[in-house]
Each structure stands twice: as C-alpha cells, then as structure tokens.
Amino acid sequence: NIAKLPGGPLLARVRTRIGDTSVRWCG
C-alpha cells in the first residue's frame, strides 16, 4: 500500500525476496 503521512511524504509498504519495510515512494 501507499499512504501519505500528514505533512510528510508518501510512504510505500513493500515486500521483497529479502524482507519487508516502508520507504518513501517517488512514483
């Protein structure tokens, strides 16, 4: 999913073959 933090950037929750995290989405 992609969520906008109040007053902040878009963060994407991502899954990869080596783990999961949330990071800034620039798409």
PDB file of all heavy atoms in Angstrom:
ATOM      1  N   ASN A   1       0.846  -1.192   0.000  1.00  0.00           N
ATOM      2  CA  ASN A   1       0.000   0.000   0.000  1.00  0.00           C
ATOM      3  C   ASN A   1       0.880   1.240   0.000  1.00  0.00           C
ATOM      4  O   ASN A   1       2.070   1.174   0.296  1.00  0.00           O
ATOM      5  CB  ASN A   1      -0.994   0.006   1.164  1.00  0.00           C
ATOM      6  CG  ASN A   1      -0.327   0.162   2.514  1.00  0.00           C
ATOM      7  OD1 ASN A   1       0.893   0.127   2.630  1.00  0.00           O
ATOM      8  ND2 ASN A   1      -1.120   0.340   3.549  1.00  0.00           N
ATOM      9  N   ILE A   2       0.260   2.359  -0.329  1.00  0.00           N
ATOM     10  CA  ILE A   2       0.932   3.657  -0.326  1.00  0.00           C
ATOM     11  C   ILE A   2       0.068   4.588   0.510  1.00  0.00           C
ATOM     12  O   ILE A   2      -1.148   4.661   0.318  1.00  0.00           O
ATOM     13  CB  ILE A   2       1.110   4.211  -1.753  1.00  0.00           C
ATOM     14  CG1 ILE A   2       1.987   3.269  -2.579  1.00  0.00           C
ATOM     15  CG2 ILE A   2       1.705   5.619  -1.716  1.00  0.00           C
ATOM     16  CD1 ILE A   2       2.065   3.620  -4.044  1.00  0.00           C
ATOM     17  N   ALA A   3       0.697   5.285   1.450  1.00  0.00           N
ATOM     18  CA  ALA A   3      -0.040   6.192   2.330  1.00  0.00           C
ATOM     19  C   ALA A   3       0.694   7.511   2.422  1.00  0.00           C
ATOM     20  O   ALA A   3       1.924   7.559   2.380  1.00  0.00           O
ATOM     21  CB  ALA A   3      -0.190   5.572   3.718  1.00  0.00           C
ATOM     22  N   LYS A   4      -0.051   8.586   2.561  1.00  0.00           N
ATOM     23  CA  LYS A   4       0.528   9.923   2.748  1.00  0.00           C
ATOM     24  C   LYS A   4       0.513  10.229   4.232  1.00  0.00           C
ATOM     25  O   LYS A   4      -0.522  10.166   4.882  1.00  0.00           O
ATOM     26  CB  LYS A   4      -0.300  10.957   1.983  1.00  0.00           C
ATOM     27  CG  LYS A   4       0.113  12.385   2.256  1.00  0.00           C
ATOM     28  CD  LYS A   4       0.903  12.924   1.118  1.00  0.00           C
ATOM     29  CE  LYS A   4       1.118  14.420   1.266  1.00  0.00           C
ATOM     30  NZ  LYS A   4       2.456  14.761   1.608  1.00  0.00           N
ATOM     31  N   LEU A   5       1.692  10.526   4.756  1.00  0.00           N
ATOM     32  CA  LEU A   5       1.778  10.946   6.149  1.00  0.00           C
ATOM     33  C   LEU A   5       1.330  12.401   6.251  1.00  0.00           C
ATOM     34  O   LEU A   5       1.633  13.201   5.366  1.00  0.00           O
ATOM     35  CB  LEU A   5       3.212  10.810   6.654  1.00  0.00           C
ATOM     36  CG  LEU A   5       3.786   9.407   6.724  1.00  0.00           C
ATOM     37  CD1 LEU A   5       5.229   9.456   7.185  1.00  0.00           C
ATOM     38  CD2 LEU A   5       2.961   8.545   7.657  1.00  0.00           C
ATOM     39  N   PRO A   6       0.611  12.774   7.304  1.00  0.00           N
ATOM     40  CA  PRO A   6       0.205  14.178   7.451  1.00  0.00           C
ATOM     41  C   PRO A   6       1.427  15.098   7.413  1.00  0.00           C
ATOM     42  O   PRO A   6       2.348  14.953   8.215  1.00  0.00           O
ATOM     43  CB  PRO A   6      -0.466  14.216   8.828  1.00  0.00           C
ATOM     44  CG  PRO A   6      -0.860  12.793   9.108  1.00  0.00           C
ATOM     45  CD  PRO A   6       0.164  11.942   8.408  1.00  0.00           C
ATOM     46  N   GLY A   7       1.456  15.983   6.450  1.00  0.00           N
ATOM     47  CA  GLY A   7       2.565  16.914   6.310  1.00  0.00           C
ATOM     48  C   GLY A   7       3.867  16.275   5.878  1.00  0.00           C
ATOM     49  O   GLY A   7       4.919  16.886   5.949  1.00  0.00           O
ATOM     50  N   GLY A   8       3.819  15.021   5.442  1.00  0.00           N
ATOM     51  CA  GLY A   8       5.036  14.309   5.072  1.00  0.00           C
ATOM     52  C   GLY A   8       4.947  13.683   3.697  1.00  0.00           C
ATOM     53  O   GLY A   8       4.029  13.953   2.932  1.00  0.00           O
ATOM     54  N   PRO A   9       5.905  12.831   3.392  1.00  0.00           N
ATOM     55  CA  PRO A   9       5.965  12.211   2.067  1.00  0.00           C
ATOM     56  C   PRO A   9       5.019  11.014   1.954  1.00  0.00           C
ATOM     57  O   PRO A   9       4.425  10.567   2.932  1.00  0.00           O
ATOM     58  CB  PRO A   9       7.417  11.739   1.995  1.00  0.00           C
ATOM     59  CG  PRO A   9       7.734  11.388   3.419  1.00  0.00           C
ATOM     60  CD  PRO A   9       7.018  12.424   4.239  1.00  0.00           C
ATOM     61  N   LEU A  10       4.941  10.495   0.742  1.00  0.00           N
ATOM     62  CA  LEU A  10       4.252   9.230   0.516  1.00  0.00           C
ATOM     63  C   LEU A  10       5.151   8.108   0.999  1.00  0.00           C
ATOM     64  O   LEU A  10       6.342   8.096   0.695  1.00  0.00           O
ATOM     65  CB  LEU A  10       3.994   9.018  -0.978  1.00  0.00           C
ATOM     66  CG  LEU A  10       2.974   9.921  -1.653  1.00  0.00           C
ATOM     67  CD1 LEU A  10       3.006   9.681  -3.157  1.00  0.00           C
ATOM     68  CD2 LEU A  10       1.592   9.669  -1.105  1.00  0.00           C
ATOM     69  N   LEU A  11       4.610   7.181   1.758  1.00  0.00           N
ATOM     70  CA  LEU A  11       5.357   6.000   2.176  1.00  0.00           C
ATOM     71  C   LEU A  11       4.696   4.773   1.586  1.00  0.00           C
ATOM     72  O   LEU A  11       3.474   4.637   1.618  1.00  0.00           O
ATOM     73  CB  LEU A  11       5.395   5.866   3.702  1.00  0.00           C
ATOM     74  CG  LEU A  11       6.299   6.810   4.464  1.00  0.00           C
ATOM     75  CD1 LEU A  11       6.296   6.458   5.950  1.00  0.00           C
ATOM     76  CD2 LEU A  11       7.719   6.796   3.934  1.00  0.00           C
ATOM     77  N   ALA A  12       5.542   3.906   1.051  1.00  0.00           N
ATOM     78  CA  ALA A  12       5.051   2.647   0.499  1.00  0.00           C
ATOM     79  C   ALA A  12       5.501   1.508   1.399  1.00  0.00           C
ATOM     80  O   ALA A  12       6.670   1.450   1.794  1.00  0.00           O
ATOM     81  CB  ALA A  12       5.593   2.433  -0.912  1.00  0.00           C
ATOM     82  N   ARG A  13       4.566   0.639   1.726  1.00  0.00           N
ATOM     83  CA  ARG A  13       4.938  -0.596   2.427  1.00  0.00           C
ATOM     84  C   ARG A  13       5.238  -1.602   1.337  1.00  0.00           C
ATOM     85  O   ARG A  13       4.405  -1.846   0.458  1.00  0.00           O
ATOM     86  CB  ARG A  13       3.812  -1.078   3.329  1.00  0.00           C
ATOM     87  CG  ARG A  13       4.242  -2.219   4.232  1.00  0.00           C
ATOM     88  CD  ARG A  13       3.286  -2.431   5.378  1.00  0.00           C
ATOM     89  NE  ARG A  13       1.927  -2.618   4.932  1.00  0.00           N
ATOM     90  CZ  ARG A  13       1.260  -3.758   5.006  1.00  0.00           C
ATOM     91  NH1 ARG A  13       1.811  -4.818   5.532  1.00  0.00           N
ATOM     92  NH2 ARG A  13       0.022  -3.836   4.568  1.00  0.00           N
ATOM     93  N   VAL A  14       6.463  -2.156   1.358  1.00  0.00           N
ATOM     94  CA  VAL A  14       6.900  -3.045   0.281  1.00  0.00           C
ATOM     95  C   VAL A  14       7.385  -4.377   0.834  1.00  0.00           C
ATOM     96  O   VAL A  14       7.886  -4.468   1.956  1.00  0.00           O
ATOM     97  CB  VAL A  14       8.022  -2.404  -0.574  1.00  0.00           C
ATOM     98  CG1 VAL A  14       7.521  -1.151  -1.270  1.00  0.00           C
ATOM     99  CG2 VAL A  14       9.256  -2.099   0.253  1.00  0.00           C
ATOM    100  N   ARG A  15       7.221  -5.393  -0.009  1.00  0.00           N
ATOM    101  CA  ARG A  15       7.755  -6.727   0.265  1.00  0.00           C
ATOM    102  C   ARG A  15       8.767  -7.047  -0.833  1.00  0.00           C
ATOM    103  O   ARG A  15       8.538  -6.745  -1.999  1.00  0.00           O
ATOM    104  CB  ARG A  15       6.651  -7.779   0.214  1.00  0.00           C
ATOM    105  CG  ARG A  15       5.670  -7.690   1.329  1.00  0.00           C
ATOM    106  CD  ARG A  15       4.660  -8.842   1.257  1.00  0.00           C
ATOM    107  NE  ARG A  15       3.660  -8.666   2.277  1.00  0.00           N
ATOM    108  CZ  ARG A  15       2.361  -8.692   2.062  1.00  0.00           C
ATOM    109  NH1 ARG A  15       1.891  -8.943   0.860  1.00  0.00           N
ATOM    110  NH2 ARG A  15       1.515  -8.501   3.044  1.00  0.00           N
ATOM    111  N   THR A  16       9.868  -7.661  -0.409  1.00  0.00           N
ATOM    112  CA  THR A  16      10.879  -8.103  -1.354  1.00  0.00           C
ATOM    113  C   THR A  16      11.228  -9.550  -1.031  1.00  0.00           C
ATOM    114  O   THR A  16      10.777 -10.083  -0.015  1.00  0.00           O
ATOM    115  CB  THR A  16      12.163  -7.250  -1.247  1.00  0.00           C
ATOM    116  OG1 THR A  16      12.857  -7.624  -0.060  1.00  0.00           O
ATOM    117  CG2 THR A  16      11.864  -5.760  -1.225  1.00  0.00           C
ATOM    118  N   ARG A  17      12.070 -10.156  -1.856  1.00  0.00           N
ATOM    119  CA  ARG A  17      12.525 -11.526  -1.574  1.00  0.00           C
ATOM    120  C   ARG A  17      13.374 -11.606  -0.316  1.00  0.00           C
ATOM    121  O   ARG A  17      13.562 -12.677   0.239  1.00  0.00           O
ATOM    122  CB  ARG A  17      13.334 -12.077  -2.754  1.00  0.00           C
ATOM    123  CG  ARG A  17      12.460 -12.475  -3.915  1.00  0.00           C
ATOM    124  CD  ARG A  17      13.298 -13.077  -5.002  1.00  0.00           C
ATOM    125  NE  ARG A  17      13.687 -11.969  -5.866  1.00  0.00           N
ATOM    126  CZ  ARG A  17      14.649 -11.988  -6.740  1.00  0.00           C
ATOM    127  NH1 ARG A  17      15.390 -13.069  -6.880  1.00  0.00           N
ATOM    128  NH2 ARG A  17      14.917 -10.956  -7.489  1.00  0.00           N
ATOM    129  N   ILE A  18      13.890 -10.456   0.131  1.00  0.00           N
ATOM    130  CA  ILE A  18      14.789 -10.481   1.286  1.00  0.00           C
ATOM    131  C   ILE A  18      14.220  -9.750   2.499  1.00  0.00           C
ATOM    132  O   ILE A  18      14.930  -9.533   3.475  1.00  0.00           O
ATOM    133  CB  ILE A  18      16.184  -9.931   0.907  1.00  0.00           C
ATOM    134  CG1 ILE A  18      16.099  -8.508   0.382  1.00  0.00           C
ATOM    135  CG2 ILE A  18      16.872 -10.863  -0.079  1.00  0.00           C
ATOM    136  CD1 ILE A  18      17.443  -7.848   0.145  1.00  0.00           C
ATOM    137  N   GLY A  19      12.950  -9.380   2.458  1.00  0.00           N
ATOM    138  CA  GLY A  19      12.321  -8.758   3.616  1.00  0.00           C
ATOM    139  C   GLY A  19      11.338  -7.663   3.257  1.00  0.00           C
ATOM    140  O   GLY A  19      11.110  -7.365   2.081  1.00  0.00           O
ATOM    141  N   ASP A  20      10.764  -7.080   4.292  1.00  0.00           N
ATOM    142  CA  ASP A  20       9.714  -6.070   4.142  1.00  0.00           C
ATOM    143  C   ASP A  20      10.095  -4.809   4.903  1.00  0.00           C
ATOM    144  O   ASP A  20      10.744  -4.884   5.950  1.00  0.00           O
ATOM    145  CB  ASP A  20       8.395  -6.567   4.738  1.00  0.00           C
ATOM    146  CG  ASP A  20       7.965  -7.922   4.214  1.00  0.00           C
ATOM    147  OD1 ASP A  20       8.473  -8.349   3.165  1.00  0.00           O
ATOM    148  OD2 ASP A  20       7.121  -8.543   4.873  1.00  0.00           O
ATOM    149  N   THR A  21       9.623  -3.667   4.406  1.00  0.00           N
ATOM    150  CA  THR A  21       9.816  -2.396   5.107  1.00  0.00           C
ATOM    151  C   THR A  21       8.870  -1.363   4.531  1.00  0.00           C
ATOM    152  O   THR A  21       8.096  -1.646   3.616  1.00  0.00           O
ATOM    153  CB  THR A  21      11.279  -1.903   5.032  1.00  0.00           C
ATOM    154  OG1 THR A  21      11.461  -0.855   5.990  1.00  0.00           O
ATOM    155  CG2 THR A  21      11.673  -1.446   3.646  1.00  0.00           C
ATOM    156  N   SER A  22       8.945  -0.154   5.046  1.00  0.00           N
ATOM    157  CA  SER A  22       8.241   1.003   4.490  1.00  0.00           C
ATOM    158  C   SER A  22       9.280   2.049   4.151  1.00  0.00           C
ATOM    159  O   SER A  22      10.199   2.299   4.937  1.00  0.00           O
ATOM    160  CB  SER A  22       7.255   1.572   5.512  1.00  0.00           C
ATOM    161  OG  SER A  22       6.234   0.644   5.783  1.00  0.00           O
ATOM    162  N   VAL A  23       9.137   2.656   2.970  1.00  0.00           N
ATOM    163  CA  VAL A  23      10.084   3.663   2.491  1.00  0.00           C
ATOM    164  C   VAL A  23       9.337   4.718   1.678  1.00  0.00           C
ATOM    165  O   VAL A  23       8.178   4.523   1.307  1.00  0.00           O
ATOM    166  CB  VAL A  23      11.202   3.029   1.633  1.00  0.00           C
ATOM    167  CG1 VAL A  23      12.134   2.180   2.482  1.00  0.00           C
ATOM    168  CG2 VAL A  23      10.629   2.210   0.508  1.00  0.00           C
ATOM    169  N   ARG A  24      10.024   5.825   1.394  1.00  0.00           N
ATOM    170  CA  ARG A  24       9.417   6.907   0.620  1.00  0.00           C
ATOM    171  C   ARG A  24       9.160   6.452  -0.816  1.00  0.00           C
ATOM    172  O   ARG A  24      10.035   5.875  -1.464  1.00  0.00           O
ATOM    173  CB  ARG A  24      10.334   8.135   0.643  1.00  0.00           C
ATOM    174  CG  ARG A  24       9.640   9.388   0.147  1.00  0.00           C
ATOM    175  CD  ARG A  24      10.470  10.633   0.393  1.00  0.00           C
ATOM    176  NE  ARG A  24      11.499  10.728  -0.638  1.00  0.00           N
ATOM    177  CZ  ARG A  24      12.803  10.732  -0.400  1.00  0.00           C
ATOM    178  NH1 ARG A  24      13.268  10.638   0.812  1.00  0.00           N
ATOM    179  NH2 ARG A  24      13.653  10.841  -1.390  1.00  0.00           N
ATOM    180  N   TRP A  25       7.977   6.735  -1.308  1.00  0.00           N
ATOM    181  CA  TRP A  25       7.577   6.367  -2.663  1.00  0.00           C
ATOM    182  C   TRP A  25       7.713   7.590  -3.557  1.00  0.00           C
ATOM    183  O   TRP A  25       7.114   8.633  -3.299  1.00  0.00           O
ATOM    184  CB  TRP A  25       6.137   5.863  -2.662  1.00  0.00           C
ATOM    185  CG  TRP A  25       5.622   5.485  -4.006  1.00  0.00           C
ATOM    186  CD1 TRP A  25       4.705   6.158  -4.750  1.00  0.00           C
ATOM    187  CD2 TRP A  25       5.979   4.320  -4.771  1.00  0.00           C
ATOM    188  NE1 TRP A  25       4.471   5.491  -5.926  1.00  0.00           N
ATOM    189  CE2 TRP A  25       5.235   4.365  -5.965  1.00  0.00           C
ATOM    190  CE3 TRP A  25       6.851   3.261  -4.560  1.00  0.00           C
ATOM    191  CZ2 TRP A  25       5.341   3.384  -6.947  1.00  0.00           C
ATOM    192  CZ3 TRP A  25       6.947   2.293  -5.533  1.00  0.00           C
ATOM    193  CH2 TRP A  25       6.207   2.349  -6.706  1.00  0.00           C
ATOM    194  N   CYS A  26       8.505   7.474  -4.630  1.00  0.00           N
ATOM    195  CA  CYS A  26       8.733   8.581  -5.551  1.00  0.00           C
ATOM    196  C   CYS A  26       8.100   8.326  -6.917  1.00  0.00           C
ATOM    197  O   CYS A  26       8.492   8.930  -7.917  1.00  0.00           O
ATOM    198  CB  CYS A  26      10.235   8.845  -5.678  1.00  0.00           C
ATOM    199  SG  CYS A  26      10.964   9.382  -4.130  1.00  0.00           S
ATOM    200  N   GLY A  27       7.131   7.447  -6.929  1.00  0.00           N
ATOM    201  CA  GLY A  27       6.400   7.150  -8.154  1.00  0.00           C
ATOM    202  C   GLY A  27       5.049   7.848  -8.147  1.00  0.00           C
ATOM    203  O   GLY A  27       4.816   8.782  -7.371  1.00  0.00           O
TER     204      GLY A  27
END
